[in-house]
Amino acid sequence: MNLKADSFKQYLAEKGITYFRVEEIKNEIVEDNNAQTNNNNGRVTFHTYVKVFGQKLPAVVVIDDSIYTVVRVQVIPDVSFIKNKDEFVRCVNEMNITYKAIKYYLGMDDALYLDMYIPGSKNELDGDLVIELLSAINSHLEQEYPNWMKLLWS
């Protein structure tokens, strides 16, 4: 486990926070033209959820050896059936212009995701900050989720 993920895991244990499930991805070495490449940078994923209007939206905190930590929430699991996809994409882009720290995107799996990147040290992660940001994301979604649902079902 990388140092940053280990520091977050220790933080969770010290604070008695139990609503995360840890998934450690073992390093996968890929050989390409006699060069070896590490495919996942020591990635560790902490699975949790964000509860919005009674819905448990899957969320992860992805920690690797880089200076970035990603907080990702699956806001809508499938948007493939939306009738007015152009309007939906326009709204996604509008949200990305409106909000500085939160970015939405449509995944290859037709889900709508929210990402927030946390820059920091390669060796340590501020657990309090991660929990505060998850709370901020929750507040944001409490405000915006009804708008997404209206678009989804209109």
Protein backbone atom coordinates (compact mmCIF):
# COMPACT_ATOMS: atom_id res chain seq x y z
CA MET A 1 0.00 0.00 0.00
CA ASN A 2 1.36 3.43 -0.89
CA LEU A 3 2.24 5.86 1.91
CA LYS A 4 -0.60 8.27 1.19
CA ALA A 5 -3.22 5.50 1.24
CA ASP A 6 -1.70 4.04 4.38
CA SER A 7 -1.91 7.44 6.12
CA PHE A 8 -5.60 7.71 5.13
CA LYS A 9 -6.29 4.16 6.32
CA GLN A 10 -4.66 5.00 9.68
CA TYR A 11 -6.71 8.21 9.87
CA LEU A 12 -9.94 6.24 9.36
CA ALA A 13 -8.94 3.75 12.08
CA GLU A 14 -8.00 6.51 14.55
CA LYS A 15 -11.30 8.34 13.96
CA GLY A 16 -13.36 5.14 14.07
CA ILE A 17 -14.72 5.77 10.57
CA THR A 18 -16.00 2.46 9.23
CA TYR A 19 -18.00 3.36 6.12
CA PHE A 20 -15.10 2.75 3.70
CA ARG A 21 -14.12 -0.55 2.07
CA VAL A 22 -10.49 -0.72 0.95
CA GLU A 23 -9.46 -2.25 -2.38
CA GLU A 24 -5.75 -2.41 -3.00
CA ILE A 25 -4.73 -2.96 -6.60
CA LYS A 26 -1.55 -4.98 -6.81
CA ASN A 27 1.12 -3.49 -9.03
CA GLU A 28 0.78 -4.76 -12.56
CA ILE A 29 4.03 -4.62 -14.49
CA VAL A 30 3.57 -4.43 -18.25
CA GLU A 31 6.44 -5.16 -20.60
CA ASP A 32 6.46 -3.17 -23.80
CA ASN A 33 9.45 -3.27 -26.13
CA ASN A 34 11.65 -4.61 -23.33
CA ALA A 35 10.68 -1.71 -21.05
CA GLN A 36 8.71 -2.33 -17.87
CA THR A 37 5.92 0.00 -16.87
CA ASN A 38 3.88 0.06 -13.68
CA ASN A 39 0.26 0.24 -14.83
CA ASN A 40 -1.51 1.51 -11.70
CA ASN A 41 0.95 3.58 -9.66
CA GLY A 42 0.16 1.74 -6.42
CA ARG A 43 -3.52 2.62 -6.62
CA VAL A 44 -5.70 2.00 -3.57
CA THR A 45 -9.45 2.61 -3.78
CA PHE A 46 -11.54 3.42 -0.73
CA HIS A 47 -15.19 2.61 -1.58
CA THR A 48 -18.01 4.43 0.18
CA TYR A 49 -21.22 6.22 -0.76
CA VAL A 50 -22.82 9.65 -0.62
CA LYS A 51 -26.43 9.65 0.58
CA VAL A 52 -28.62 12.10 -1.33
CA PHE A 53 -32.38 12.18 -0.76
CA GLY A 54 -32.30 8.60 0.50
CA GLN A 55 -30.28 7.38 -2.49
CA LYS A 56 -26.86 5.86 -1.82
CA LEU A 57 -24.66 7.07 -4.65
CA PRO A 58 -21.46 4.99 -5.03
CA ALA A 59 -18.34 6.99 -4.25
CA VAL A 60 -14.63 6.25 -4.15
CA VAL A 61 -11.48 7.94 -2.95
CA VAL A 62 -8.71 6.85 -5.31
CA ILE A 63 -5.20 7.22 -3.90
CA ASP A 64 -2.04 6.44 -5.86
CA ASP A 65 1.62 7.45 -5.93
CA SER A 66 0.94 10.73 -7.71
CA ILE A 67 0.39 14.09 -6.03
CA TYR A 68 -3.36 13.80 -6.74
CA THR A 69 -6.17 12.04 -4.92
CA VAL A 70 -9.50 11.65 -6.71
CA VAL A 71 -12.91 11.71 -5.05
CA ARG A 72 -15.42 10.27 -7.53
CA VAL A 73 -19.19 9.84 -7.23
CA GLN A 74 -21.42 7.99 -9.66
CA VAL A 75 -24.32 10.45 -9.82
CA ILE A 76 -26.45 8.62 -12.41
CA PRO A 77 -25.65 5.01 -13.32
CA ASP A 78 -27.09 5.08 -16.85
CA VAL A 79 -27.99 8.02 -19.06
CA SER A 80 -28.19 6.05 -22.33
CA PHE A 81 -32.00 6.27 -22.44
CA ILE A 82 -32.22 10.06 -22.14
CA LYS A 83 -34.32 11.48 -24.97
CA ASN A 84 -32.67 14.89 -25.13
CA LYS A 85 -29.00 13.97 -24.79
CA ASP A 86 -27.82 17.26 -26.34
CA GLU A 87 -29.57 19.23 -23.58
CA PHE A 88 -28.12 16.89 -20.97
CA VAL A 89 -24.56 17.37 -22.30
CA ARG A 90 -25.14 21.14 -22.42
CA CYS A 91 -26.11 21.03 -18.72
CA VAL A 92 -23.03 18.95 -17.86
CA ASN A 93 -20.84 21.55 -19.59
CA GLU A 94 -22.67 24.39 -17.86
CA MET A 95 -22.07 22.76 -14.46
CA ASN A 96 -18.37 22.40 -15.26
CA ILE A 97 -18.18 26.11 -16.07
CA THR A 98 -20.14 27.06 -12.93
CA TYR A 99 -18.27 24.98 -10.36
CA LYS A 100 -14.50 25.32 -9.96
CA ALA A 101 -13.61 22.28 -7.91
CA ILE A 102 -16.26 19.81 -9.06
CA LYS A 103 -16.25 18.39 -12.58
CA TYR A 104 -18.90 16.20 -14.18
CA TYR A 105 -18.36 13.83 -17.10
CA LEU A 106 -20.08 11.02 -18.94
CA GLY A 107 -18.17 7.77 -18.59
CA MET A 108 -17.66 5.10 -21.22
CA ASP A 109 -20.29 3.08 -19.32
CA ASP A 110 -22.95 5.81 -19.93
CA ALA A 111 -22.88 6.88 -16.29
CA LEU A 112 -22.64 10.46 -15.08
CA TYR A 113 -19.70 10.96 -12.70
CA LEU A 114 -18.62 13.80 -10.46
CA ASP A 115 -14.87 14.15 -9.82
CA MET A 116 -12.95 16.30 -7.40
CA TYR A 117 -9.15 16.26 -7.41
CA ILE A 118 -7.18 16.93 -4.26
CA PRO A 119 -3.55 17.97 -4.81
CA GLY A 120 -1.09 17.18 -2.06
CA SER A 121 1.98 15.34 -0.94
CA LYS A 122 2.93 11.95 -2.36
CA ASN A 123 3.41 10.61 1.17
CA GLU A 124 0.50 11.88 3.25
CA LEU A 125 -3.18 12.68 2.85
CA ASP A 126 -5.17 15.03 5.07
CA GLY A 127 -8.02 12.77 6.20
CA ASP A 128 -10.02 15.65 7.69
CA LEU A 129 -9.91 17.39 4.31
CA VAL A 130 -11.17 14.29 2.47
CA ILE A 131 -14.09 13.91 4.88
CA GLU A 132 -14.90 17.63 4.60
CA LEU A 133 -14.81 17.43 0.81
CA LEU A 134 -17.14 14.42 0.81
CA SER A 135 -19.49 16.47 2.97
CA ALA A 136 -19.21 19.41 0.54
CA ILE A 137 -19.95 17.07 -2.37
CA ASN A 138 -22.98 15.79 -0.46
CA SER A 139 -24.23 19.37 0.04
CA HIS A 140 -23.63 20.15 -3.63
CA LEU A 141 -25.55 17.06 -4.72
CA GLU A 142 -28.43 17.85 -2.34
CA GLN A 143 -28.72 21.10 -4.29
CA GLU A 144 -28.18 19.77 -7.83
CA TYR A 145 -29.53 16.19 -7.73
CA PRO A 146 -33.18 17.24 -8.26
CA ASN A 147 -32.08 19.15 -11.38
CA TRP A 148 -30.30 16.05 -12.74
CA MET A 149 -33.38 13.92 -12.04
CA LYS A 150 -35.64 16.45 -13.78
CA LEU A 151 -33.39 16.33 -16.85
CA LEU A 152 -33.18 12.56 -16.70
CA TRP A 153 -36.94 12.03 -16.69
CA SER A 154 -38.08 14.90 -18.92
